[in-house]
Amino acid sequence: MPKANYNQVISEIKTLKLSDQLRLLEEMATLIRKGINKQATRSILELKGKGKDIWKGHNVKAYIDEKRSSWNG
């Protein structure tokens, strides 16, 4: 079965009675909500190790100590 393009679908919807358009809208909203609920939640732990290459060749402890000492003026 060939996929209809957006404009074809809209044209078909316009031919429906208003009550059927509303029913379609409700069904589409339900499908979209189900799709949103299926999306995986993200975790901050996914960031572990990101950016580690930035610190290669740098003394991280010295950098942190320098930043902390600047907090006190």
Protein backbone atom coordinates (compact mmCIF):
# COMPACT_ATOMS: atom_id res chain seq x y z
CA MET A 1 0.00 0.00 0.00
CA PRO A 2 1.60 3.31 -1.05
CA LYS A 3 2.06 5.98 1.56
CA ALA A 4 -0.10 9.04 1.08
CA ASN A 5 1.55 12.40 1.30
CA TYR A 6 0.49 15.06 3.75
CA ASN A 7 -1.59 17.07 1.28
CA GLN A 8 -3.50 13.98 0.18
CA VAL A 9 -4.31 13.13 3.78
CA ILE A 10 -5.50 16.66 4.48
CA SER A 11 -7.71 16.58 1.39
CA GLU A 12 -9.27 13.34 2.56
CA ILE A 13 -9.86 14.67 6.05
CA LYS A 14 -11.65 17.71 4.65
CA THR A 15 -14.18 15.38 2.98
CA LEU A 16 -15.16 13.86 6.33
CA LYS A 17 -18.14 15.05 8.35
CA LEU A 18 -17.22 17.34 11.23
CA SER A 19 -18.06 14.62 13.77
CA ASP A 20 -15.67 12.22 12.02
CA GLN A 21 -12.96 14.90 11.87
CA LEU A 22 -13.30 15.38 15.63
CA ARG A 23 -13.20 11.62 16.21
CA LEU A 24 -10.06 11.39 14.06
CA LEU A 25 -8.49 14.25 16.00
CA GLU A 26 -9.17 12.47 19.30
CA GLU A 27 -7.72 9.21 17.98
CA MET A 28 -4.61 10.98 16.69
CA ALA A 29 -4.13 12.73 20.04
CA THR A 30 -4.32 9.34 21.77
CA LEU A 31 -1.75 7.84 19.39
CA ILE A 32 0.60 10.78 19.89
CA ARG A 33 0.29 10.59 23.69
CA LYS A 34 1.11 6.87 23.60
CA GLY A 35 4.15 7.62 21.45
CA ILE A 36 5.33 10.29 23.88
CA ASN A 37 4.94 7.92 26.81
CA LYS A 38 7.06 5.30 25.02
CA GLN A 39 10.01 7.67 24.68
CA ALA A 40 12.86 6.57 26.90
CA THR A 41 13.69 8.81 29.80
CA ARG A 42 17.22 10.14 29.83
CA SER A 43 19.70 9.84 32.67
CA ILE A 44 22.41 12.26 33.74
CA LEU A 45 24.68 9.21 33.88
CA GLU A 46 24.66 9.14 30.06
CA LEU A 47 27.06 12.09 30.24
CA LYS A 48 29.70 10.05 32.07
CA GLY A 49 33.02 10.35 30.26
CA LYS A 50 31.85 13.06 27.86
CA GLY A 51 34.45 15.78 27.43
CA LYS A 52 37.24 13.79 29.05
CA ASP A 53 39.50 14.51 26.09
CA ILE A 54 39.35 18.21 26.96
CA TRP A 55 41.31 17.52 30.13
CA LYS A 56 44.10 15.45 28.55
CA GLY A 57 47.45 17.03 29.36
CA HIS A 58 45.96 19.29 32.07
CA ASN A 59 46.42 19.01 35.79
CA VAL A 60 42.76 18.92 36.82
CA LYS A 61 43.50 19.20 40.55
CA ALA A 62 45.61 22.33 40.00
CA TYR A 63 42.84 23.84 37.86
CA ILE A 64 40.19 23.15 40.50
CA ASP A 65 42.41 24.49 43.29
CA GLU A 66 43.04 27.67 41.29
CA LYS A 67 39.32 28.20 40.67
CA ARG A 68 38.44 27.56 44.32
CA SER A 69 41.08 30.01 45.55
CA SER A 70 39.58 32.72 43.34
CA TRP A 71 36.20 32.36 45.08
CA ASN A 72 37.59 33.91 48.25
CA GLY A 73 39.10 36.89 46.46
